[in-house]
Amino acid sequence: MLQFSARRAVRCAPPASDPHIPIPVNFDDYCQQKAAPPGSSAYYALRQASVARQPLLTALFALRREFEETVKETSDPTIGRTKLAWWQKEMAALAAGEPSHPVSKALTAWQRDLEDSYPALQALLAGYEMDLDQARYLDYPNLQRYMAGVGGTFATLVARATARNPEQVSNWAPALGQALMLAQFVEALGDDARHGRIYIPIDEMQRFNVTAADLINRRYSDAFTELMRFQTTRARDALNAALAAIPAEERPTQRTLRAQAALSLAVLDEIEREGYQVLHQRIALTPVRKLWIAWRAARKSN
């Protein structure tokens, strides 16, 4: 279990976006269950942070999961927009100090500079809103705008929560967040395609002669293998470059992000060994392996 330095229980009305939140609810427990169930990569990455910062980081991870579920796990776009509108109101309530959702309450309790972080929280929500507007991207620059809004913003929020020099985080954290998303696109390609979302640029698929129908219908081919080799190499190179760009004085403060990157690199290696068979399954690491990789990565000195 994640170790929290304090435990707080709150009584709150369930939001319109999720009528099944229990009352009363311990918001720390809710965030942990939402963001980092035992055995998940997020669980082991969050365990690398200091005990004092784990509650805030877990709340941030839970908020990202709430946004992701709002736009990606709703089949009806109208319902998705209704839920998104609720979250926009909840972000305004958070800024006003009157949140109603357990995740928002956790952020209120643990975020020291909530006023400074509020624009980034809004930017994160706006980034996920792009998923309601488009499911395909013409080229890599278009995809990068989405990755910057979601991955770059989220990594910046996480980095700021523990950084020695929060004002410098924007110089290196966004690249790491985008690299983590590139790895996620490779890992979740089959599941995303089945839900109508393809995060491989159209022009790159055309270059390798792979169609959306190939992905949706789980058709493997030599062309698909070459496409995935390209995507995997780009994600790996981006992760390694982003890790190298973390300032030396911040490396001890960024154990969670570094563990996430190491876990993503290990998954990419596993996917490569499995011949990029990601259309019909999600290739993952065992919990024991996740624990070892996260622990080792968080304690590397360089």
Protein backbone atom coordinates (compact mmCIF):
# COMPACT_ATOMS: atom_id res chain seq x y z
CA MET A 1 0.00 0.00 0.00
CA LEU A 2 1.15 3.57 -0.59
CA GLN A 3 2.15 5.20 2.66
CA PHE A 4 0.43 8.49 3.45
CA SER A 5 1.54 10.74 6.28
CA ALA A 6 -2.06 11.61 7.10
CA ARG A 7 -5.49 10.16 6.48
CA ARG A 8 -8.54 12.30 5.88
CA ALA A 9 -12.14 11.27 5.43
CA VAL A 10 -14.66 13.54 3.78
CA ARG A 11 -18.39 13.46 3.16
CA CYS A 12 -19.31 14.68 -0.28
CA ALA A 13 -22.09 14.33 -2.82
CA PRO A 14 -21.20 12.19 -5.84
CA PRO A 15 -20.61 14.20 -9.01
CA ALA A 16 -22.79 13.93 -12.09
CA SER A 17 -19.93 12.27 -13.96
CA ASP A 18 -19.80 9.34 -11.54
CA PRO A 19 -22.90 8.54 -9.49
CA HIS A 20 -21.28 5.55 -7.82
CA ILE A 21 -18.75 7.23 -5.51
CA PRO A 22 -19.45 5.96 -1.97
CA ILE A 23 -20.47 8.34 0.83
CA PRO A 24 -18.56 8.98 3.05
CA VAL A 25 -15.31 8.51 1.15
CA ASN A 26 -11.69 8.79 2.21
CA PHE A 27 -10.32 10.86 -0.64
CA ASP A 28 -6.79 9.49 -0.30
CA ASP A 29 -8.11 5.94 -0.62
CA TYR A 30 -10.26 6.95 -3.58
CA CYS A 31 -7.27 8.49 -5.37
CA GLN A 32 -5.12 5.46 -4.77
CA GLN A 33 -7.76 3.07 -6.07
CA LYS A 34 -8.39 5.25 -9.10
CA ALA A 35 -4.79 6.02 -10.02
CA ALA A 36 -2.65 3.20 -8.73
CA PRO A 37 -4.26 -0.16 -7.96
CA PRO A 38 -1.75 -2.66 -6.57
CA GLY A 39 0.31 -4.28 -9.31
CA SER A 40 -0.05 -1.39 -11.76
CA SER A 41 2.94 0.51 -13.11
CA ALA A 42 1.64 3.71 -11.50
CA TYR A 43 1.53 1.93 -8.14
CA TYR A 44 5.24 1.10 -8.25
CA ALA A 45 6.23 4.46 -9.72
CA LEU A 46 4.38 6.36 -6.98
CA ARG A 47 5.98 4.25 -4.27
CA GLN A 48 9.36 5.72 -5.25
CA ALA A 49 8.37 9.22 -4.12
CA SER A 50 8.86 10.42 -0.57
CA VAL A 51 6.07 9.52 1.82
CA ALA A 52 5.25 13.20 2.25
CA ARG A 53 4.68 13.77 -1.47
CA GLN A 54 2.88 10.53 -2.33
CA PRO A 55 -0.63 11.84 -1.51
CA LEU A 56 -0.31 14.81 -3.89
CA LEU A 57 1.27 12.78 -6.67
CA THR A 58 -1.42 10.12 -6.32
CA ALA A 59 -4.12 12.80 -6.53
CA LEU A 60 -2.57 14.14 -9.73
CA PHE A 61 -2.44 10.65 -11.24
CA ALA A 62 -6.07 10.11 -10.19
CA LEU A 63 -7.14 13.39 -11.81
CA ARG A 64 -5.48 12.37 -15.06
CA ARG A 65 -7.31 9.05 -14.92
CA GLU A 66 -10.64 10.82 -14.33
CA PHE A 67 -10.07 13.04 -17.38
CA GLU A 68 -8.97 10.07 -19.48
CA GLU A 69 -12.04 8.04 -18.56
CA THR A 70 -14.27 11.01 -19.29
CA VAL A 71 -13.18 11.30 -22.92
CA LYS A 72 -11.95 7.81 -23.83
CA GLU A 73 -14.33 5.43 -22.10
CA THR A 74 -17.57 7.08 -23.16
CA SER A 75 -18.98 5.78 -26.44
CA ASP A 76 -21.41 8.69 -26.89
CA PRO A 77 -19.55 11.99 -27.56
CA THR A 78 -22.51 13.96 -26.21
CA ILE A 79 -22.20 12.21 -22.85
CA GLY A 80 -18.46 12.76 -22.95
CA ARG A 81 -18.92 16.48 -23.43
CA THR A 82 -21.47 16.60 -20.62
CA LYS A 83 -19.01 14.92 -18.27
CA LEU A 84 -16.22 17.18 -19.46
CA ALA A 85 -18.38 20.23 -18.76
CA TRP A 86 -18.90 18.91 -15.23
CA TRP A 87 -15.15 18.68 -14.75
CA GLN A 88 -14.70 22.21 -16.06
CA LYS A 89 -17.10 23.41 -13.38
CA GLU A 90 -15.30 21.28 -10.80
CA MET A 91 -11.96 22.86 -11.73
CA ALA A 92 -13.52 26.28 -11.17
CA ALA A 93 -14.85 25.07 -7.81
CA LEU A 94 -11.37 23.77 -6.97
CA ALA A 95 -9.90 27.21 -7.68
CA ALA A 96 -12.57 28.77 -5.47
CA GLY A 97 -11.79 26.37 -2.63
CA GLU A 98 -15.14 24.59 -2.87
CA PRO A 99 -14.47 21.24 -4.59
CA SER A 100 -16.96 18.37 -4.39
CA HIS A 101 -15.09 15.45 -5.98
CA PRO A 102 -12.72 13.29 -3.86
CA VAL A 103 -9.81 13.94 -6.24
CA SER A 104 -10.36 17.70 -6.11
CA LYS A 105 -10.58 17.54 -2.32
CA ALA A 106 -7.29 15.66 -2.22
CA LEU A 107 -5.65 18.33 -4.37
CA THR A 108 -7.00 21.02 -2.06
CA ALA A 109 -5.55 19.20 0.94
CA TRP A 110 -2.12 18.43 -0.46
CA GLN A 111 -1.27 21.00 -3.17
CA ARG A 112 0.73 23.81 -1.63
CA ASP A 113 0.68 26.09 -4.68
CA LEU A 114 -2.77 25.30 -6.00
CA GLU A 115 -3.24 28.80 -7.39
CA ASP A 116 -0.01 28.50 -9.41
CA SER A 117 -0.91 25.01 -10.63
CA TYR A 118 -4.47 25.86 -11.65
CA PRO A 119 -3.59 27.02 -15.20
CA ALA A 120 -1.78 23.72 -15.80
CA LEU A 121 -4.77 21.76 -14.50
CA GLN A 122 -6.97 23.65 -16.94
CA ALA A 123 -4.49 22.98 -19.74
CA LEU A 124 -4.54 19.26 -18.93
CA LEU A 125 -8.33 19.16 -19.18
CA ALA A 126 -8.19 21.08 -22.47
CA GLY A 127 -5.65 18.60 -23.77
CA TYR A 128 -7.97 15.68 -23.11
CA GLU A 129 -10.80 17.60 -24.74
CA MET A 130 -8.96 17.10 -28.03
CA ASP A 131 -9.95 13.41 -27.83
CA LEU A 132 -13.56 14.44 -28.28
CA ASP A 133 -12.72 16.42 -31.40
CA GLN A 134 -10.49 14.01 -33.29
CA ALA A 135 -9.36 10.40 -33.21
CA ARG A 136 -6.74 10.59 -35.98
CA TYR A 137 -3.78 12.89 -36.62
CA LEU A 138 -2.56 13.86 -40.07
CA ASP A 139 1.12 14.12 -39.21
CA TYR A 140 3.56 14.11 -36.31
CA PRO A 141 3.42 17.89 -35.59
CA ASN A 142 -0.36 17.56 -35.12
CA LEU A 143 0.11 14.61 -32.79
CA GLN A 144 2.74 16.57 -30.86
CA ARG A 145 0.18 19.26 -30.04
CA TYR A 146 -1.97 16.62 -28.39
CA MET A 147 1.01 15.12 -26.57
CA ALA A 148 2.07 18.54 -25.33
CA GLY A 149 -1.41 19.31 -23.99
CA VAL A 150 -1.75 15.97 -22.18
CA GLY A 151 1.62 14.35 -21.59
CA GLY A 152 3.74 17.48 -21.38
CA THR A 153 1.33 19.24 -19.04
CA PHE A 154 0.92 16.24 -16.77
CA ALA A 155 4.66 15.60 -16.42
CA THR A 156 5.14 19.28 -15.60
CA LEU A 157 2.54 19.06 -12.82
CA VAL A 158 4.15 15.93 -11.39
CA ALA A 159 7.66 17.37 -11.62
CA ARG A 160 6.65 20.65 -9.96
CA ALA A 161 5.19 18.75 -7.02
CA THR A 162 8.62 17.53 -5.93
CA ALA A 163 11.17 19.73 -7.73
CA ARG A 164 13.84 21.76 -5.96
CA ASN A 165 13.44 24.48 -8.60
CA PRO A 166 9.80 24.36 -9.75
CA GLU A 167 10.23 27.44 -11.96
CA GLN A 168 12.76 25.50 -14.11
CA VAL A 169 10.60 22.40 -14.61
CA SER A 170 9.12 23.62 -17.88
CA ASN A 171 12.61 23.43 -19.43
CA TRP A 172 12.75 19.64 -19.27
CA ALA A 173 9.56 17.98 -17.96
CA PRO A 174 7.31 18.45 -21.05
CA ALA A 175 9.67 16.42 -23.24
CA LEU A 176 9.56 13.55 -20.75
CA GLY A 177 5.78 13.64 -20.62
CA GLN A 178 5.54 13.51 -24.39
CA ALA A 179 8.02 10.64 -24.55
CA LEU A 180 5.95 8.68 -22.03
CA MET A 181 2.92 9.17 -24.25
CA LEU A 182 4.78 7.89 -27.31
CA ALA A 183 5.56 4.70 -25.40
CA GLN A 184 1.93 4.44 -24.27
CA PHE A 185 0.74 4.74 -27.87
CA VAL A 186 2.84 1.71 -28.81
CA GLU A 187 1.74 -0.32 -25.79
CA ALA A 188 -1.99 0.44 -26.13
CA LEU A 189 -2.22 0.49 -29.92
CA GLY A 190 -4.61 -2.45 -30.26
CA ASP A 191 -6.97 -1.33 -27.50
CA ASP A 192 -6.99 2.26 -28.74
CA ALA A 193 -7.75 1.13 -32.32
CA ARG A 194 -10.66 -1.00 -31.16
CA HIS A 195 -12.08 2.11 -29.49
CA GLY A 196 -11.72 4.13 -32.68
CA ARG A 197 -8.56 6.03 -31.73
CA ILE A 198 -5.27 5.75 -33.60
CA TYR A 199 -2.32 7.74 -32.33
CA ILE A 200 -0.04 6.97 -35.25
CA PRO A 201 0.04 9.83 -37.77
CA ILE A 202 -1.79 9.13 -41.00
CA ASP A 203 1.17 10.09 -43.18
CA GLU A 204 3.41 7.60 -41.34
CA MET A 205 0.89 4.80 -41.78
CA GLN A 206 0.73 5.63 -45.48
CA ARG A 207 4.52 5.61 -45.70
CA PHE A 208 4.62 2.06 -44.32
CA ASN A 209 1.51 0.95 -46.24
CA VAL A 210 -0.55 0.13 -43.16
CA THR A 211 -4.24 1.06 -42.97
CA ALA A 212 -6.56 1.83 -40.08
CA ALA A 213 -8.52 -1.30 -41.03
CA ASP A 214 -5.36 -3.35 -40.53
CA LEU A 215 -5.08 -2.11 -36.97
CA ILE A 216 -8.76 -2.43 -36.11
CA ASN A 217 -8.97 -5.94 -37.56
CA ARG A 218 -5.68 -7.04 -35.96
CA ARG A 219 -3.91 -7.80 -39.23
CA TYR A 220 -0.21 -8.38 -38.73
CA SER A 221 2.21 -8.07 -41.65
CA ASP A 222 5.81 -7.23 -42.48
CA ALA A 223 4.68 -3.67 -43.17
CA PHE A 224 3.09 -3.47 -39.72
CA THR A 225 6.29 -4.78 -38.14
CA GLU A 226 8.34 -2.08 -39.84
CA LEU A 227 5.85 0.60 -38.78
CA MET A 228 6.02 -0.55 -35.17
CA ARG A 229 9.79 -0.77 -35.23
CA PHE A 230 9.83 2.88 -36.27
CA GLN A 231 7.32 3.89 -33.57
CA THR A 232 9.14 1.93 -30.87
CA THR A 233 12.53 3.34 -31.79
CA ARG A 234 11.19 6.89 -31.72
CA ALA A 235 9.59 6.37 -28.31
CA ARG A 236 12.73 4.78 -26.88
CA ASP A 237 14.98 7.53 -28.21
CA ALA A 238 12.64 10.20 -26.86
CA LEU A 239 12.58 8.60 -23.40
CA ASN A 240 16.34 8.30 -23.21
CA ALA A 241 16.85 11.89 -24.37
CA ALA A 242 14.29 13.21 -21.90
CA LEU A 243 15.84 11.29 -19.01
CA ALA A 244 19.27 12.64 -19.89
CA ALA A 245 17.88 16.19 -19.88
CA ILE A 246 16.74 16.05 -16.23
CA PRO A 247 19.12 18.37 -14.31
CA ALA A 248 21.47 16.56 -11.95
CA GLU A 249 20.08 18.39 -8.92
CA GLU A 250 16.54 17.26 -9.80
CA ARG A 251 17.27 13.59 -10.37
CA PRO A 252 16.74 12.67 -6.69
CA THR A 253 13.45 14.63 -6.63
CA GLN A 254 11.99 12.99 -9.73
CA ARG A 255 11.91 9.35 -8.71
CA THR A 256 8.33 8.80 -9.83
CA LEU A 257 8.86 10.14 -13.36
CA ARG A 258 12.17 8.33 -13.69
CA ALA A 259 10.54 5.08 -12.58
CA GLN A 260 7.75 5.61 -15.10
CA ALA A 261 10.27 6.11 -17.88
CA ALA A 262 12.21 2.99 -16.91
CA LEU A 263 9.03 0.92 -16.85
CA SER A 264 8.04 2.25 -20.27
CA LEU A 265 11.48 1.41 -21.68
CA ALA A 266 11.20 -2.12 -20.30
CA VAL A 267 7.74 -2.56 -21.85
CA LEU A 268 9.05 -1.35 -25.22
CA ASP A 269 11.85 -3.92 -25.01
CA GLU A 270 9.31 -6.62 -24.21
CA ILE A 271 7.09 -5.56 -27.11
CA GLU A 272 10.08 -5.72 -29.43
CA ARG A 273 10.97 -9.22 -28.19
CA GLU A 274 7.37 -10.31 -28.80
CA GLY A 275 7.54 -9.16 -32.41
CA TYR A 276 5.25 -6.14 -31.88
CA GLN A 277 2.21 -8.35 -31.28
CA VAL A 278 0.21 -5.51 -29.73
CA LEU A 279 -2.98 -5.59 -31.78
CA HIS A 280 -4.68 -8.49 -29.98
CA GLN A 281 -3.13 -8.08 -26.54
CA ARG A 282 -1.51 -5.63 -24.17
CA ILE A 283 2.02 -6.74 -23.40
CA ALA A 284 2.89 -6.01 -19.79
CA LEU A 285 5.50 -6.71 -17.13
CA THR A 286 4.94 -8.87 -14.07
CA PRO A 287 4.41 -7.03 -10.76
CA VAL A 288 7.71 -8.33 -9.36
CA ARG A 289 9.58 -7.07 -12.40
CA LYS A 290 7.82 -3.71 -12.17
CA LEU A 291 8.85 -3.39 -8.53
CA TRP A 292 12.51 -4.14 -9.30
CA ILE A 293 12.70 -1.85 -12.34
CA ALA A 294 11.01 1.08 -10.57
CA TRP A 295 13.14 0.70 -7.44
CA ARG A 296 16.40 0.46 -9.38
CA ALA A 297 15.57 3.34 -11.73
CA ALA A 298 14.64 5.68 -8.90
CA ARG A 299 18.00 5.11 -7.23
CA LYS A 300 20.32 5.37 -10.21
CA SER A 301 22.77 8.20 -9.81
CA ASN A 302 23.03 9.02 -13.51
